[in-house]
Amino acid sequence: MQDKIKVSGGTALSEERIRSGEIFLTEDALDCAYAWDTGVAISRYLKELKNGRIIAKECRECNRIMLPPRIFCELCFRPSGDWVFVQDSGVVNTFSICHVHWDASRVKEDEKPYLPAVIEIDGASPGMGIMHLLGEVEPEQIKIGMKVKAVWKKENERTGSVTDIKYFKPL
């Protein structure tokens, strides 16, 4: 029958079921606005970034300072403890020299490449840190273990996002 449509893994649809209203079909754009709740730990983390500070959570069982903060420890599954302010400096754990923009278009020859890196933040436990961009550095100067410091947006430009840190620069 030509009026049946088979959706992989779904239910066979028919023109008759659509016309009868049993199945709703529209080509109009739906307004699917939604709200996203960051949760207790990340909400506080983002609020502190807006204030120009980095905050983590302590696990008393594992004796770790977890960054980004979480409400429970993923190693021992215990609730996390106190909030702990950490530094806005750290070391490069790993990095990349990226010749592709975030929208997947190529970086032009006269543009500098992006320099994403994982930064282990001072005051957090080893291996704890954030992925961010490096700046004020040439790609060939970047080294694993290089000390870096956050360069923040001006206070009135911050929005409560990890992008409130513009980039990390070498110390």
N, C-alpha and C. Protein backbone atom coordinates (compact mmCIF):
# COMPACT_ATOMS: atom_id res chain seq x y z
N MET A 1 0.84 -1.19 0.00
CA MET A 1 0.00 0.00 0.00
C MET A 1 0.88 1.24 0.00
N GLN A 2 0.51 2.21 -0.81
CA GLN A 2 1.31 3.42 -0.91
C GLN A 2 1.08 4.39 0.23
N ASP A 3 -0.03 4.28 0.95
CA ASP A 3 -0.33 5.25 1.99
C ASP A 3 0.30 4.91 3.33
N LYS A 4 1.13 3.87 3.40
CA LYS A 4 1.79 3.51 4.66
C LYS A 4 3.23 3.97 4.65
N ILE A 5 3.66 4.48 5.80
CA ILE A 5 5.04 4.92 5.99
C ILE A 5 5.59 4.09 7.12
N LYS A 6 6.72 3.47 6.94
CA LYS A 6 7.34 2.68 8.01
C LYS A 6 8.51 3.46 8.58
N VAL A 7 8.47 3.71 9.87
CA VAL A 7 9.54 4.40 10.56
C VAL A 7 10.40 3.33 11.22
N SER A 8 11.69 3.37 10.97
CA SER A 8 12.60 2.37 11.53
C SER A 8 12.46 2.30 13.04
N GLY A 9 12.14 1.11 13.53
CA GLY A 9 12.03 0.92 14.97
C GLY A 9 10.75 1.50 15.55
N GLY A 10 9.84 1.99 14.70
CA GLY A 10 8.63 2.62 15.20
C GLY A 10 7.38 1.91 14.73
N THR A 11 6.29 2.64 14.63
CA THR A 11 4.99 2.10 14.26
C THR A 11 4.68 2.50 12.83
N ALA A 12 4.05 1.59 12.08
CA ALA A 12 3.63 1.90 10.72
C ALA A 12 2.60 3.02 10.77
N LEU A 13 2.77 4.02 9.93
CA LEU A 13 1.85 5.15 9.86
C LEU A 13 1.07 5.04 8.56
N SER A 14 -0.15 5.54 8.58
CA SER A 14 -0.92 5.54 7.35
C SER A 14 -1.55 6.92 7.16
N GLU A 15 -1.83 7.22 5.91
CA GLU A 15 -2.50 8.49 5.57
C GLU A 15 -3.84 8.56 6.28
N GLU A 16 -4.52 7.44 6.36
CA GLU A 16 -5.84 7.38 7.01
C GLU A 16 -5.74 7.76 8.49
N ARG A 17 -4.75 7.24 9.21
CA ARG A 17 -4.59 7.54 10.63
C ARG A 17 -4.21 9.01 10.84
N ILE A 18 -3.44 9.57 9.94
CA ILE A 18 -3.08 10.99 10.03
C ILE A 18 -4.31 11.85 9.78
N ARG A 19 -5.09 11.54 8.71
CA ARG A 19 -6.29 12.33 8.37
C ARG A 19 -7.35 12.25 9.47
N SER A 20 -7.45 11.11 10.13
CA SER A 20 -8.47 10.96 11.18
C SER A 20 -8.09 11.69 12.47
N GLY A 21 -6.84 12.13 12.56
CA GLY A 21 -6.38 12.83 13.76
C GLY A 21 -5.81 11.90 14.81
N GLU A 22 -5.81 10.61 14.52
CA GLU A 22 -5.24 9.65 15.47
C GLU A 22 -3.74 9.90 15.66
N ILE A 23 -3.11 10.35 14.58
CA ILE A 23 -1.69 10.71 14.60
C ILE A 23 -1.60 12.18 14.21
N PHE A 24 -0.91 12.95 15.00
CA PHE A 24 -0.76 14.38 14.75
C PHE A 24 0.48 14.61 13.91
N LEU A 25 0.33 15.34 12.84
CA LEU A 25 1.45 15.67 11.96
C LEU A 25 1.37 17.15 11.62
N THR A 26 2.49 17.83 11.75
CA THR A 26 2.50 19.26 11.40
C THR A 26 3.82 19.60 10.74
N GLU A 27 3.78 20.56 9.89
CA GLU A 27 5.00 21.09 9.28
C GLU A 27 5.32 22.46 9.84
N ASP A 28 4.46 22.94 10.76
CA ASP A 28 4.69 24.23 11.40
C ASP A 28 5.79 24.09 12.43
N ALA A 29 6.54 25.16 12.62
CA ALA A 29 7.56 25.17 13.66
C ALA A 29 6.87 25.24 15.01
N LEU A 30 7.25 24.37 15.91
CA LEU A 30 6.69 24.37 17.25
C LEU A 30 7.56 25.20 18.17
N ASP A 31 6.92 25.89 19.10
CA ASP A 31 7.66 26.64 20.11
C ASP A 31 7.97 25.66 21.24
N CYS A 32 9.19 25.17 21.26
CA CYS A 32 9.59 24.16 22.24
C CYS A 32 10.57 24.76 23.24
N ALA A 33 10.21 25.88 23.80
CA ALA A 33 11.07 26.51 24.80
C ALA A 33 11.19 25.60 26.01
N TYR A 34 12.35 25.60 26.60
CA TYR A 34 12.56 24.77 27.79
C TYR A 34 13.48 25.51 28.74
N ALA A 35 13.49 25.06 29.95
CA ALA A 35 14.38 25.61 30.96
C ALA A 35 15.38 24.53 31.33
N TRP A 36 16.59 24.92 31.58
CA TRP A 36 17.64 23.99 31.93
C TRP A 36 18.11 24.32 33.34
N ASP A 37 18.03 23.35 34.21
CA ASP A 37 18.47 23.54 35.59
C ASP A 37 19.87 22.96 35.72
N THR A 38 20.81 23.79 36.11
CA THR A 38 22.20 23.33 36.22
C THR A 38 22.45 22.51 37.47
N GLY A 39 21.54 22.55 38.41
CA GLY A 39 21.73 21.81 39.65
C GLY A 39 22.49 22.65 40.68
N VAL A 40 22.55 22.13 41.89
CA VAL A 40 23.13 22.86 43.02
C VAL A 40 24.60 23.18 42.80
N ALA A 41 25.41 22.18 42.45
CA ALA A 41 26.86 22.38 42.36
C ALA A 41 27.24 23.31 41.21
N ILE A 42 26.75 23.03 40.02
CA ILE A 42 27.14 23.85 38.86
C ILE A 42 26.54 25.24 38.96
N SER A 43 25.35 25.38 39.54
CA SER A 43 24.77 26.73 39.73
C SER A 43 25.70 27.60 40.56
N ARG A 44 26.20 27.06 41.65
CA ARG A 44 27.12 27.83 42.51
C ARG A 44 28.42 28.11 41.76
N TYR A 45 28.93 27.12 41.05
CA TYR A 45 30.16 27.26 40.26
C TYR A 45 30.03 28.43 39.27
N LEU A 46 28.91 28.47 38.54
CA LEU A 46 28.70 29.54 37.56
C LEU A 46 28.53 30.90 38.23
N LYS A 47 27.85 30.92 39.36
CA LYS A 47 27.69 32.18 40.11
C LYS A 47 29.05 32.71 40.54
N GLU A 48 29.92 31.84 41.01
CA GLU A 48 31.26 32.28 41.44
C GLU A 48 32.10 32.71 40.24
N LEU A 49 31.96 32.07 39.10
CA LEU A 49 32.68 32.53 37.91
C LEU A 49 32.27 33.96 37.57
N LYS A 50 30.99 34.26 37.70
CA LYS A 50 30.52 35.63 37.44
C LYS A 50 31.18 36.61 38.40
N ASN A 51 31.50 36.14 39.60
CA ASN A 51 32.19 36.97 40.60
C ASN A 51 33.72 36.93 40.46
N GLY A 52 34.20 36.25 39.45
CA GLY A 52 35.65 36.20 39.22
C GLY A 52 36.39 35.22 40.10
N ARG A 53 35.69 34.19 40.58
CA ARG A 53 36.32 33.19 41.45
C ARG A 53 35.96 31.79 40.96
N ILE A 54 36.85 30.86 41.25
CA ILE A 54 36.61 29.46 40.90
C ILE A 54 36.40 28.69 42.20
N ILE A 55 35.31 27.93 42.25
CA ILE A 55 34.98 27.18 43.46
C ILE A 55 34.86 25.69 43.13
N ALA A 56 35.23 24.87 44.09
CA ALA A 56 35.20 23.41 43.94
C ALA A 56 34.48 22.82 45.14
N LYS A 57 34.35 21.50 45.17
CA LYS A 57 33.74 20.79 46.30
C LYS A 57 34.74 19.77 46.83
N GLU A 58 34.68 19.57 48.13
CA GLU A 58 35.58 18.64 48.81
C GLU A 58 34.88 17.29 48.99
N CYS A 59 35.64 16.19 48.81
CA CYS A 59 35.16 14.87 49.20
C CYS A 59 35.97 14.48 50.44
N ARG A 60 35.30 14.41 51.56
CA ARG A 60 36.00 14.08 52.81
C ARG A 60 36.46 12.63 52.84
N GLU A 61 35.74 11.76 52.16
CA GLU A 61 36.08 10.32 52.14
C GLU A 61 37.36 10.07 51.33
N CYS A 62 37.45 10.68 50.16
CA CYS A 62 38.60 10.47 49.25
C CYS A 62 39.69 11.52 49.44
N ASN A 63 39.41 12.55 50.23
CA ASN A 63 40.35 13.66 50.40
C ASN A 63 40.72 14.30 49.07
N ARG A 64 39.68 14.58 48.28
CA ARG A 64 39.90 15.23 46.98
C ARG A 64 39.16 16.55 46.95
N ILE A 65 39.70 17.49 46.19
CA ILE A 65 39.02 18.75 45.89
C ILE A 65 38.58 18.61 44.43
N MET A 66 37.26 18.54 44.22
CA MET A 66 36.70 18.21 42.91
C MET A 66 36.31 19.46 42.12
N LEU A 67 36.80 19.53 40.91
CA LEU A 67 36.52 20.63 40.00
C LEU A 67 36.31 20.07 38.61
N PRO A 68 35.23 20.42 37.93
CA PRO A 68 34.10 21.19 38.41
C PRO A 68 33.47 20.52 39.62
N PRO A 69 32.79 21.34 40.45
CA PRO A 69 32.21 20.78 41.67
C PRO A 69 31.06 19.83 41.34
N ARG A 70 30.85 18.87 42.21
CA ARG A 70 29.72 17.97 42.09
C ARG A 70 29.12 17.72 43.46
N ILE A 71 27.91 17.28 43.47
CA ILE A 71 27.16 17.10 44.71
C ILE A 71 27.51 15.77 45.37
N PHE A 72 28.08 14.83 44.60
CA PHE A 72 28.55 13.58 45.17
C PHE A 72 29.85 13.19 44.48
N CYS A 73 30.63 12.37 45.14
CA CYS A 73 31.91 11.91 44.60
C CYS A 73 31.68 10.71 43.68
N GLU A 74 32.19 10.79 42.49
CA GLU A 74 32.01 9.70 41.53
C GLU A 74 32.90 8.49 41.84
N LEU A 75 33.84 8.63 42.78
CA LEU A 75 34.69 7.49 43.15
C LEU A 75 34.13 6.70 44.32
N CYS A 76 33.66 7.39 45.36
CA CYS A 76 33.15 6.68 46.55
C CYS A 76 31.63 6.82 46.72
N PHE A 77 31.01 7.60 45.85
CA PHE A 77 29.55 7.80 45.86
C PHE A 77 29.02 8.41 47.15
N ARG A 78 29.87 9.11 47.87
CA ARG A 78 29.47 9.82 49.09
C ARG A 78 29.07 11.25 48.71
N PRO A 79 28.16 11.85 49.48
CA PRO A 79 27.87 13.27 49.24
C PRO A 79 29.13 14.10 49.43
N SER A 80 29.28 15.10 48.59
CA SER A 80 30.45 15.96 48.73
C SER A 80 30.29 16.83 49.97
N GLY A 81 31.42 17.38 50.41
CA GLY A 81 31.44 18.16 51.64
C GLY A 81 31.44 19.65 51.38
N ASP A 82 32.41 20.33 51.96
CA ASP A 82 32.47 21.78 51.94
C ASP A 82 32.81 22.33 50.56
N TRP A 83 32.39 23.59 50.36
CA TRP A 83 32.82 24.37 49.19
C TRP A 83 34.23 24.86 49.46
N VAL A 84 35.06 24.86 48.42
CA VAL A 84 36.46 25.28 48.55
C VAL A 84 36.80 26.20 47.39
N PHE A 85 37.27 27.41 47.69
CA PHE A 85 37.75 28.29 46.63
C PHE A 85 39.14 27.82 46.22
N VAL A 86 39.36 27.75 44.92
CA VAL A 86 40.66 27.37 44.37
C VAL A 86 41.23 28.56 43.61
N GLN A 87 42.44 28.43 43.13
CA GLN A 87 43.10 29.53 42.44
C GLN A 87 42.57 29.66 41.01
N ASP A 88 42.89 30.77 40.36
CA ASP A 88 42.56 30.92 38.94
C ASP A 88 43.82 30.73 38.09
N SER A 89 44.68 29.87 38.61
CA SER A 89 45.92 29.51 37.90
C SER A 89 46.02 27.99 37.90
N GLY A 90 46.93 27.49 37.11
CA GLY A 90 47.11 26.04 37.07
C GLY A 90 48.20 25.66 36.08
N VAL A 91 48.16 24.41 35.66
CA VAL A 91 49.14 23.91 34.69
C VAL A 91 48.41 23.24 33.53
N VAL A 92 49.04 23.28 32.38
CA VAL A 92 48.49 22.64 31.19
C VAL A 92 48.69 21.13 31.33
N ASN A 93 47.59 20.40 31.31
CA ASN A 93 47.62 18.94 31.38
C ASN A 93 47.78 18.35 29.98
N THR A 94 47.04 18.90 29.03
CA THR A 94 47.12 18.51 27.62
C THR A 94 46.58 19.66 26.79
N PHE A 95 46.91 19.68 25.50
CA PHE A 95 46.46 20.78 24.65
C PHE A 95 46.39 20.31 23.20
N SER A 96 45.81 21.15 22.37
CA SER A 96 45.72 20.87 20.95
C SER A 96 45.93 22.17 20.18
N ILE A 97 46.38 22.05 18.97
CA ILE A 97 46.47 23.21 18.07
C ILE A 97 45.38 22.96 17.03
N CYS A 98 44.34 23.78 17.09
CA CYS A 98 43.12 23.51 16.33
C CYS A 98 42.96 24.51 15.18
N HIS A 99 42.90 23.99 13.98
CA HIS A 99 42.75 24.82 12.78
C HIS A 99 41.32 24.82 12.27
N VAL A 100 40.37 24.54 13.17
CA VAL A 100 38.95 24.50 12.82
C VAL A 100 38.19 25.36 13.83
N HIS A 101 37.30 26.23 13.33
CA HIS A 101 36.44 27.04 14.20
C HIS A 101 35.42 26.13 14.88
N TRP A 102 34.74 26.68 15.91
CA TRP A 102 33.71 25.92 16.63
C TRP A 102 32.58 25.51 15.71
N ASP A 103 32.34 26.24 14.62
CA ASP A 103 31.27 25.88 13.68
C ASP A 103 31.76 24.93 12.59
N ALA A 104 32.94 24.39 12.76
CA ALA A 104 33.55 23.40 11.86
C ALA A 104 34.11 24.01 10.57
N SER A 105 34.13 25.33 10.45
CA SER A 105 34.77 25.95 9.29
C SER A 105 36.27 26.07 9.57
N ARG A 106 37.05 26.04 8.52
CA ARG A 106 38.50 26.08 8.67
C ARG A 106 38.99 27.47 9.08
N VAL A 107 40.02 27.51 9.90
CA VAL A 107 40.68 28.76 10.26
C VAL A 107 41.46 29.22 9.03
N LYS A 108 41.31 30.49 8.67
CA LYS A 108 42.01 31.02 7.49
C LYS A 108 43.51 31.10 7.76
N GLU A 109 44.28 31.14 6.71
CA GLU A 109 45.74 31.14 6.84
C GLU A 109 46.28 32.33 7.61
N ASP A 110 45.58 33.48 7.54
CA ASP A 110 46.04 34.67 8.25
C ASP A 110 45.52 34.73 9.69
N GLU A 111 44.73 33.75 10.11
CA GLU A 111 44.21 33.69 11.47
C GLU A 111 45.05 32.75 12.32
N LYS A 112 45.10 33.05 13.62
CA LYS A 112 45.80 32.15 14.54
C LYS A 112 44.91 30.95 14.84
N PRO A 113 45.48 29.78 15.05
CA PRO A 113 44.67 28.62 15.42
C PRO A 113 44.12 28.77 16.84
N TYR A 114 43.06 28.04 17.13
CA TYR A 114 42.56 27.95 18.50
C TYR A 114 43.50 27.05 19.28
N LEU A 115 43.62 27.31 20.57
CA LEU A 115 44.52 26.53 21.41
C LEU A 115 43.76 26.00 22.63
N PRO A 116 42.90 24.99 22.42
CA PRO A 116 42.19 24.42 23.57
C PRO A 116 43.16 23.60 24.44
N ALA A 117 42.91 23.63 25.75
CA ALA A 117 43.77 22.89 26.68
C ALA A 117 42.96 22.47 27.89
N VAL A 118 43.41 21.41 28.54
CA VAL A 118 42.87 21.03 29.84
C VAL A 118 43.81 21.62 30.87
N ILE A 119 43.25 22.46 31.74
CA ILE A 119 44.04 23.15 32.76
C ILE A 119 43.73 22.51 34.11
N GLU A 120 44.76 21.96 34.75
CA GLU A 120 44.62 21.47 36.13
C GLU A 120 44.75 22.68 37.03
N ILE A 121 43.67 22.99 37.72
CA ILE A 121 43.59 24.22 38.51
C ILE A 121 44.30 24.06 39.85
N ASP A 122 45.12 25.06 40.21
CA ASP A 122 45.82 25.05 41.50
C ASP A 122 44.81 25.06 42.64
N GLY A 123 45.01 24.16 43.59
CA GLY A 123 44.11 24.03 44.73
C GLY A 123 43.14 22.88 44.57
N ALA A 124 42.92 22.41 43.34
CA ALA A 124 42.09 21.24 43.11
C ALA A 124 43.00 20.01 43.12
N SER A 125 42.42 18.85 43.26
CA SER A 125 43.21 17.61 43.27
C SER A 125 43.83 17.35 41.90
N PRO A 126 44.95 16.62 41.86
CA PRO A 126 45.56 16.29 40.58
C PRO A 126 44.56 15.63 39.64
N GLY A 127 44.61 16.04 38.38
CA GLY A 127 43.70 15.52 37.39
C GLY A 127 42.38 16.28 37.32
N MET A 128 42.15 17.20 38.25
CA MET A 128 40.92 17.98 38.27
C MET A 128 41.18 19.32 37.60
N GLY A 129 40.33 19.68 36.69
CA GLY A 129 40.50 20.96 36.02
C GLY A 129 39.41 21.20 35.01
N ILE A 130 39.66 22.14 34.14
CA ILE A 130 38.67 22.52 33.14
C ILE A 130 39.32 22.62 31.77
N MET A 131 38.50 22.41 30.76
CA MET A 131 38.96 22.63 29.39
C MET A 131 38.68 24.07 29.04
N HIS A 132 39.68 24.74 28.50
CA HIS A 132 39.52 26.15 28.14
C HIS A 132 40.51 26.48 27.02
N LEU A 133 40.59 27.74 26.68
CA LEU A 133 41.51 28.19 25.63
C LEU A 133 42.77 28.80 26.24
N LEU A 134 43.86 28.67 25.52
CA LEU A 134 45.09 29.36 25.86
C LEU A 134 45.18 30.61 24.99
N GLY A 135 45.78 31.65 25.52
CA GLY A 135 45.97 32.89 24.78
C GLY A 135 47.29 33.52 25.16
N GLU A 136 47.66 34.56 24.40
CA GLU A 136 48.93 35.27 24.61
C GLU A 136 50.12 34.32 24.57
N VAL A 137 50.02 33.31 23.70
CA VAL A 137 51.09 32.33 23.56
C VAL A 137 51.09 31.80 22.13
N GLU A 138 52.27 31.55 21.61
CA GLU A 138 52.39 30.94 20.29
C GLU A 138 52.31 29.42 20.44
N PRO A 139 51.73 28.73 19.48
CA PRO A 139 51.58 27.28 19.60
C PRO A 139 52.87 26.53 19.94
N GLU A 140 53.96 26.95 19.33
CA GLU A 140 55.23 26.24 19.56
C GLU A 140 55.81 26.49 20.96
N GLN A 141 55.25 27.45 21.70
CA GLN A 141 55.72 27.73 23.06
C GLN A 141 54.98 26.91 24.13
N ILE A 142 53.87 26.30 23.77
CA ILE A 142 53.04 25.57 24.74
C ILE A 142 53.73 24.26 25.12
N LYS A 143 53.73 23.98 26.40
CA LYS A 143 54.33 22.74 26.93
C LYS A 143 53.39 22.13 27.96
N ILE A 144 53.36 20.82 28.03
CA ILE A 144 52.64 20.14 29.10
C ILE A 144 53.33 20.55 30.42
N GLY A 145 52.56 20.91 31.42
CA GLY A 145 53.12 21.36 32.69
C GLY A 145 53.36 22.86 32.77
N MET A 146 53.11 23.59 31.67
CA MET A 146 53.30 25.03 31.65
C MET A 146 52.32 25.69 32.63
N LYS A 147 52.83 26.61 33.46
CA LYS A 147 51.99 27.36 34.41
C LYS A 147 51.21 28.43 33.64
N VAL A 148 49.92 28.53 33.96
CA VAL A 148 49.05 29.50 33.31
C VAL A 148 48.14 30.17 34.33
N LYS A 149 47.60 31.32 33.95
CA LYS A 149 46.69 32.08 34.82
C LYS A 149 45.51 32.56 33.98
N ALA A 150 44.33 32.60 34.61
CA ALA A 150 43.11 33.03 33.93
C ALA A 150 43.16 34.52 33.60
N VAL A 151 42.66 34.86 32.42
CA VAL A 151 42.42 36.24 32.03
C VAL A 151 40.91 36.39 31.98
N TRP A 152 40.38 37.19 32.91
CA TRP A 152 38.95 37.33 33.08
C TRP A 152 38.38 38.45 32.22
N LYS A 153 37.11 38.31 31.84
CA LYS A 153 36.38 39.42 31.25
C LYS A 153 36.21 40.50 32.32
N LYS A 154 35.93 41.72 31.89
CA LYS A 154 35.63 42.78 32.85
C LYS A 154 34.39 42.38 33.64
N GLU A 155 34.33 42.83 34.88
CA GLU A 155 33.25 42.43 35.79
C GLU A 155 31.86 42.67 35.19
N ASN A 156 31.67 43.81 34.53
CA ASN A 156 30.35 44.13 33.98
C ASN A 156 30.02 43.34 32.71
N GLU A 157 30.98 42.57 32.19
CA GLU A 157 30.76 41.75 30.99
C GLU A 157 30.49 40.29 31.34
N ARG A 158 30.68 39.91 32.58
CA ARG A 158 30.51 38.50 32.97
C ARG A 158 29.04 38.13 33.06
N THR A 159 28.76 36.87 32.70
CA THR A 159 27.37 36.39 32.65
C THR A 159 27.12 35.15 33.51
N GLY A 160 28.13 34.62 34.15
CA GLY A 160 27.95 33.39 34.90
C GLY A 160 28.15 32.18 34.01
N SER A 161 29.24 32.19 33.27
CA SER A 161 29.57 31.13 32.31
C SER A 161 31.07 30.88 32.36
N VAL A 162 31.49 29.71 31.91
CA VAL A 162 32.92 29.43 31.86
C VAL A 162 33.63 30.40 30.92
N THR A 163 32.88 31.02 30.01
CA THR A 163 33.48 32.01 29.10
C THR A 163 33.70 33.36 29.79
N ASP A 164 33.35 33.46 31.08
CA ASP A 164 33.74 34.66 31.84
C ASP A 164 35.27 34.71 31.98
N ILE A 165 35.90 33.56 31.84
CA ILE A 165 37.36 33.51 31.68
C ILE A 165 37.59 33.57 30.17
N LYS A 166 38.30 34.61 29.71
CA LYS A 166 38.54 34.73 28.26
C LYS A 166 39.47 33.62 27.79
N TYR A 167 40.55 33.40 28.54
CA TYR A 167 41.54 32.38 28.22
C TYR A 167 42.52 32.30 29.37
N PHE A 168 43.43 31.35 29.28
CA PHE A 168 44.52 31.24 30.25
C PHE A 168 45.80 31.62 29.52
N LYS A 169 46.63 32.44 30.18
CA LYS A 169 47.89 32.88 29.59
C LYS A 169 49.06 32.33 30.41
N PRO A 170 50.22 32.19 29.77
CA PRO A 170 51.39 31.70 30.51
C PRO A 170 51.80 32.65 31.62
N LEU A 171 52.29 32.08 32.70
CA LEU A 171 52.84 32.90 33.80
C LEU A 171 54.32 33.15 33.56
